[in-house]
């Protein structure tokens, strides 16, 4: 006689039940606002009147808007500064923790700046970099440097904003990279050490290639977060409009929507930003081959 095979349990219904709260949250807080944003981007809408359909006029106006292109250029400059400095510092810190010490206290200390609210960080650095009372400029003057670092300086403003956010997020990024380094088999380092490889050679030939999926995640998250810079710029200028060299795209959207009440135009700028971020993310993931790991 043929043995009766037990009936396989179908857990699909249970799986959908567990997914339902997440899907509802996504629909309410992401999908619906996105659809509304697309609709508003096709209208002439302010808080004082009902939306009136204007088609692609808002998008056509973007092409001739010098302030929009300047905001996009300023944001791109900040993104490059922030990602390069933050990733380089985080990689160095993660490598030092991985190869020299694995202290829990050190890891907790690195996470402290990330836990501080961005508004507090902006206020703190606005005071530290104050041209008259700031500790940093007094320190530079004390060692004989005639440089005044200020958020109102066209030359230093954006590098200082990038410095502030790198200080805040480098520790968190370093911990993500450190967690990825812990997945690298230790025997690879031991074999390389026996063959005479130094720490720099092992970092370049072992750590970086095997860290690619985690590094891709960090770079994508850093890219999206960098394009969303707003609070630091808004806080360090004390509620005043920033200088053109620091008026990033998010601040430009905020001005159009809540200062000039051009809600439809602001929505169009936001939709363009969504498309730009999507394209950059896809390119980044393909270039880094994020879906494949050399550990396999």
Protein backbone atom coordinates (compact mmCIF):
# COMPACT_ATOMS: atom_id res chain seq x y z
CA UNK A 1 0.00 0.00 0.00
CA UNK A 2 1.07 3.50 -0.73
CA UNK A 3 1.66 5.55 2.37
CA UNK A 4 -0.71 8.47 2.83
CA UNK A 5 1.26 11.66 2.55
CA UNK A 6 0.39 14.26 5.18
CA UNK A 7 -1.40 17.31 3.88
CA UNK A 8 0.89 20.28 3.66
CA UNK A 9 -0.13 23.22 5.79
CA UNK A 10 -1.00 26.37 3.87
CA UNK A 11 0.30 29.37 5.83
CA UNK A 12 -0.38 31.95 3.16
CA UNK A 13 -3.47 33.29 4.88
CA UNK A 14 -1.56 33.72 8.14
CA UNK A 15 1.24 35.46 6.28
CA UNK A 16 -1.16 37.93 4.70
CA UNK A 17 -2.68 38.65 8.12
CA UNK A 18 0.74 39.54 9.47
CA UNK A 19 1.43 41.73 6.43
CA UNK A 20 -1.92 43.52 6.62
CA UNK A 21 -0.96 46.14 9.28
CA UNK A 22 2.21 47.03 7.34
CA UNK A 23 0.29 47.26 4.07
CA UNK A 24 -2.35 49.48 5.65
CA UNK A 25 0.33 51.75 7.10
CA UNK A 26 2.09 51.93 3.74
CA UNK A 27 -1.16 52.75 1.95
CA UNK A 28 -2.18 55.46 4.44
CA UNK A 29 1.18 57.13 5.06
CA UNK A 30 3.03 56.56 1.75
CA UNK A 31 0.86 55.53 -1.20
CA UNK A 32 -2.05 57.94 -0.58
CA UNK A 33 0.17 61.01 0.09
CA UNK A 34 2.18 60.17 -3.04
CA UNK A 35 -0.95 60.06 -5.20
CA UNK A 36 -2.17 63.32 -3.65
CA UNK A 37 1.24 64.89 -4.25
CA UNK A 38 1.14 63.93 -7.92
CA UNK A 39 -2.34 65.45 -8.22
CA UNK A 40 -1.32 68.68 -6.47
CA UNK A 41 1.73 68.95 -8.74
CA UNK A 42 -0.68 69.25 -11.68
CA UNK A 43 -2.71 72.06 -10.07
CA UNK A 44 -2.46 75.71 -9.15
CA UNK A 45 -3.09 75.35 -5.43
CA UNK A 46 -2.50 77.46 -2.36
CA UNK A 47 -3.96 77.32 1.12
CA UNK A 48 -6.34 80.13 0.17
CA UNK A 49 -8.09 78.53 -2.81
CA UNK A 50 -9.18 75.16 -4.12
CA UNK A 51 -6.86 73.29 -6.52
CA UNK A 52 -7.37 74.11 -10.19
CA UNK A 53 -5.93 71.79 -12.82
CA UNK A 54 -3.12 73.32 -14.89
CA UNK A 55 -1.58 70.18 -16.38
CA UNK A 56 2.20 70.18 -16.73
CA UNK A 57 2.58 73.97 -16.30
CA UNK A 58 4.37 73.58 -12.97
CA UNK A 59 6.90 71.21 -14.51
CA UNK A 60 7.45 73.53 -17.47
CA UNK A 61 8.07 76.42 -15.08
CA UNK A 62 10.75 74.37 -13.35
CA UNK A 63 12.88 74.35 -16.48
CA UNK A 64 13.23 78.15 -16.44
CA UNK A 65 13.47 78.49 -12.64
CA UNK A 66 17.06 79.48 -11.82
CA UNK A 67 16.38 79.21 -8.07
CA UNK A 68 15.30 75.59 -8.47
CA UNK A 69 18.46 74.68 -10.39
CA UNK A 70 20.60 76.52 -7.86
CA UNK A 71 18.92 74.63 -5.00
CA UNK A 72 19.51 71.34 -6.81
CA UNK A 73 23.16 72.24 -7.44
CA UNK A 74 23.68 73.27 -3.81
CA UNK A 75 22.09 70.03 -2.61
CA UNK A 76 24.27 67.94 -4.92
CA UNK A 77 27.36 69.73 -3.58
CA UNK A 78 26.27 68.98 -0.03
CA UNK A 79 25.52 65.33 -0.87
CA UNK A 80 29.04 64.83 -2.25
CA UNK A 81 30.67 66.51 0.76
CA UNK A 82 28.55 64.65 3.28
CA UNK A 83 28.75 61.17 1.77
CA UNK A 84 32.49 61.30 1.08
CA UNK A 85 33.44 62.62 4.52
CA UNK A 86 30.94 60.52 6.44
CA UNK A 87 31.71 57.25 4.64
CA UNK A 88 35.49 57.72 4.80
CA UNK A 89 35.44 58.50 8.53
CA UNK A 90 32.96 55.70 9.25
CA UNK A 91 35.06 53.14 7.36
CA UNK A 92 38.15 54.19 9.30
CA UNK A 93 36.39 54.00 12.66
CA UNK A 94 34.77 50.65 11.83
CA UNK A 95 38.11 49.18 10.72
CA UNK A 96 39.82 50.37 13.90
CA UNK A 97 37.08 48.85 16.07
CA UNK A 98 37.19 45.62 14.12
CA UNK A 99 40.96 45.15 14.12
CA UNK A 100 42.00 46.82 17.41
CA UNK A 101 39.17 46.92 19.94
CA UNK A 102 35.61 45.75 20.31
CA UNK A 103 34.74 47.81 23.35
CA UNK A 104 31.03 48.16 24.04
CA UNK A 105 31.68 51.50 25.74
CA UNK A 106 33.33 52.85 22.59
CA UNK A 107 30.43 51.71 20.43
CA UNK A 108 27.95 53.37 22.80
CA UNK A 109 29.96 56.61 22.73
CA UNK A 110 29.94 56.65 18.92
CA UNK A 111 26.16 56.37 18.94
CA UNK A 112 25.57 59.33 21.28
CA UNK A 113 25.67 62.12 18.60
CA UNK A 114 23.17 60.18 16.48
CA UNK A 115 20.74 60.07 19.42
CA UNK A 116 20.77 63.86 19.87
CA UNK A 117 17.88 65.62 18.04
CA UNK A 118 18.93 67.45 14.88
CA UNK A 119 17.53 70.73 16.16
CA UNK A 120 19.73 70.49 19.25
CA UNK A 121 22.76 69.66 17.09
CA UNK A 122 22.08 72.66 14.86
CA UNK A 123 21.77 75.02 17.84
CA UNK A 124 24.93 73.60 19.43
CA UNK A 125 27.05 74.11 16.32
CA UNK A 126 25.53 77.52 15.58
CA UNK A 127 26.85 78.59 19.00
CA UNK A 128 30.24 76.89 18.56
CA UNK A 129 30.76 78.55 15.17
CA UNK A 130 29.43 81.98 16.11
CA UNK A 131 31.81 84.59 14.59
CA UNK A 132 31.92 86.64 17.82
CA UNK A 133 31.33 84.23 20.71
CA UNK A 134 31.96 80.81 19.18
CA UNK A 135 34.56 78.54 20.79
CA UNK A 136 35.86 77.27 17.43
CA UNK A 137 36.74 80.71 16.08
CA UNK A 138 38.34 81.73 19.38
CA UNK A 139 40.42 78.55 19.21
CA UNK A 140 41.49 79.29 15.62
CA UNK A 141 42.44 82.82 16.61
CA UNK A 142 44.37 81.53 19.61
CA UNK A 143 46.63 79.40 17.41
CA UNK A 144 47.29 82.24 14.99
CA UNK A 145 44.86 81.38 12.20
CA UNK A 146 43.06 84.36 10.68
CA UNK A 147 40.16 82.27 9.37
CA UNK A 148 36.62 82.91 10.57
CA UNK A 149 34.32 79.94 10.11
CA UNK A 150 30.71 81.03 9.79
CA UNK A 151 27.46 79.77 8.32
CA UNK A 152 27.14 83.18 6.65
CA UNK A 153 30.36 82.72 4.68
CA UNK A 154 29.68 81.76 1.03
CA UNK A 155 32.92 79.76 1.04
CA UNK A 156 32.54 77.87 4.31
CA UNK A 157 28.76 77.66 4.80
CA UNK A 158 28.04 74.40 2.99
CA UNK A 159 31.21 72.58 4.15
CA UNK A 160 30.24 73.52 7.71
CA UNK A 161 26.71 72.14 7.25
CA UNK A 162 28.26 68.92 5.93
CA UNK A 163 30.66 68.86 8.90
CA UNK A 164 27.77 69.19 11.36
CA UNK A 165 25.84 66.29 9.84
CA UNK A 166 28.94 64.14 9.42
CA UNK A 167 29.65 64.64 13.14
CA UNK A 168 26.10 63.58 13.95
CA UNK A 169 25.85 60.49 11.72
CA UNK A 170 29.37 59.11 11.34
CA UNK A 171 29.16 57.04 14.52
CA UNK A 172 25.91 55.37 13.47
CA UNK A 173 27.29 54.68 9.98
CA UNK A 174 30.47 53.26 11.50
CA UNK A 175 28.44 50.81 13.60
CA UNK A 176 26.59 49.58 10.51
CA UNK A 177 29.87 48.99 8.71
CA UNK A 178 31.37 47.40 11.81
CA UNK A 179 28.46 44.95 11.95
CA UNK A 180 29.18 44.04 8.34
CA UNK A 181 32.87 43.52 9.09
CA UNK A 182 31.98 41.05 11.82
CA UNK A 183 30.49 38.80 9.13
CA UNK A 184 33.86 38.45 7.36
CA UNK A 185 35.42 35.07 8.29
CA UNK A 186 38.38 35.57 10.62
CA UNK A 187 40.45 32.84 8.94
CA UNK A 188 40.78 35.04 5.84
CA UNK A 189 42.68 37.62 7.86
CA UNK A 190 44.79 34.93 9.50
CA UNK A 191 45.73 33.44 6.14
CA UNK A 192 46.57 36.86 4.70
CA UNK A 193 48.67 37.68 7.76
CA UNK A 194 50.66 34.45 7.37
CA UNK A 195 51.31 35.40 3.74
CA UNK A 196 52.76 38.70 4.93
CA UNK A 197 49.88 41.07 4.07
CA UNK A 198 49.66 44.26 6.12
CA UNK A 199 46.54 45.85 7.57
CA UNK A 200 46.04 48.20 4.59
CA UNK A 201 46.38 45.36 2.09
CA UNK A 202 43.91 43.19 4.04
CA UNK A 203 41.47 46.09 4.26
CA UNK A 204 41.68 46.70 0.51
CA UNK A 205 41.66 43.07 -0.62
CA UNK A 206 39.45 41.37 1.98
CA UNK A 207 37.35 43.81 4.00
CA UNK A 208 36.13 46.15 1.25
CA UNK A 209 35.11 43.46 -1.30
CA UNK A 210 33.26 41.39 1.31
CA UNK A 211 31.66 44.50 2.80
CA UNK A 212 30.03 45.52 -0.51
CA UNK A 213 26.36 44.68 0.31
CA UNK A 214 26.49 46.55 3.63
CA UNK A 215 28.42 49.42 2.07
CA UNK A 216 25.80 49.66 -0.68
CA UNK A 217 23.04 49.87 1.93
CA UNK A 218 24.93 52.58 3.83
CA UNK A 219 25.57 54.61 0.68
CA UNK A 220 21.95 54.41 -0.48
CA UNK A 221 20.61 55.42 2.93
CA UNK A 222 23.19 58.22 3.15
CA UNK A 223 22.28 59.44 -0.33
CA UNK A 224 18.56 59.63 0.43
CA UNK A 225 19.17 61.18 3.85
CA UNK A 226 21.58 63.76 2.43
CA UNK A 227 19.08 64.94 -0.17
CA UNK A 228 16.59 65.43 2.69
CA UNK A 229 18.78 67.91 4.55
CA UNK A 230 16.56 70.65 5.98
CA UNK A 231 16.56 70.99 9.76
CA UNK A 232 20.24 71.89 10.13
CA UNK A 233 19.93 74.65 7.53
CA UNK A 234 16.71 75.94 9.08
CA UNK A 235 18.11 75.98 12.63
CA UNK A 236 21.57 77.47 12.13
CA UNK A 237 20.10 80.57 10.49
CA UNK A 238 17.70 81.17 13.37
CA UNK A 239 14.55 81.15 11.26
CA UNK A 240 15.97 83.58 8.68
CA UNK A 241 16.32 82.65 5.02
CA UNK A 242 19.68 80.97 4.38
CA UNK A 243 22.22 82.40 1.98
CA UNK A 244 21.93 81.10 -1.61
CA UNK A 245 24.96 78.85 -1.09
CA UNK A 246 23.04 76.81 1.51
CA UNK A 247 19.46 76.97 0.24
CA UNK A 248 19.02 73.25 -0.36
CA UNK A 249 16.17 71.70 -2.31
CA UNK A 250 14.11 70.78 0.76
CA UNK A 251 14.31 74.34 2.04
CA UNK A 252 13.29 75.60 -1.40
CA UNK A 253 10.23 73.30 -1.32
CA UNK A 254 9.40 74.59 2.16
CA UNK A 255 9.66 78.21 1.01
CA UNK A 256 7.45 77.64 -2.03
CA UNK A 257 4.80 75.83 0.01
CA UNK A 258 4.65 77.72 3.33
CA UNK A 259 6.17 81.12 2.58
CA UNK A 260 4.80 81.85 -0.90
CA UNK A 261 1.86 79.37 -0.68
CA UNK A 262 2.67 77.83 -4.06
CA UNK A 263 1.56 74.37 -2.99
CA UNK A 264 1.17 73.00 -6.50
CA UNK A 265 4.59 74.20 -7.57
CA UNK A 266 6.18 72.84 -4.38
CA UNK A 267 4.54 69.47 -5.05
CA UNK A 268 6.01 69.47 -8.57
CA UNK A 269 9.51 70.13 -7.18
CA UNK A 270 9.00 67.30 -4.69
CA UNK A 271 7.95 64.89 -7.45
CA UNK A 272 11.05 65.77 -9.48
CA UNK A 273 13.16 65.10 -6.39
CA UNK A 274 11.51 61.69 -5.97
CA UNK A 275 12.39 60.77 -9.57
CA UNK A 276 15.98 61.98 -9.15
CA UNK A 277 16.42 59.97 -5.95
CA UNK A 278 14.92 56.87 -7.56
CA UNK A 279 17.26 57.07 -10.54
CA UNK A 280 20.33 57.70 -8.39
CA UNK A 281 19.43 54.80 -6.10
CA UNK A 282 19.04 52.37 -9.01
CA UNK A 283 22.35 53.48 -10.55
CA UNK A 284 24.09 53.21 -7.20
CA UNK A 285 22.81 49.70 -6.49
CA UNK A 286 23.80 48.49 -9.96
CA UNK A 287 27.28 49.98 -9.75
CA UNK A 288 27.92 48.44 -6.34
CA UNK A 289 26.33 45.08 -7.26
CA UNK A 290 24.48 45.24 -3.96
CA UNK A 291 22.56 42.00 -4.49
CA UNK A 292 25.74 39.88 -4.67
CA UNK A 293 28.35 39.14 -2.03
CA UNK A 294 31.81 37.63 -2.37
CA UNK A 295 31.13 35.64 0.81
CA UNK A 296 29.05 33.12 -1.16
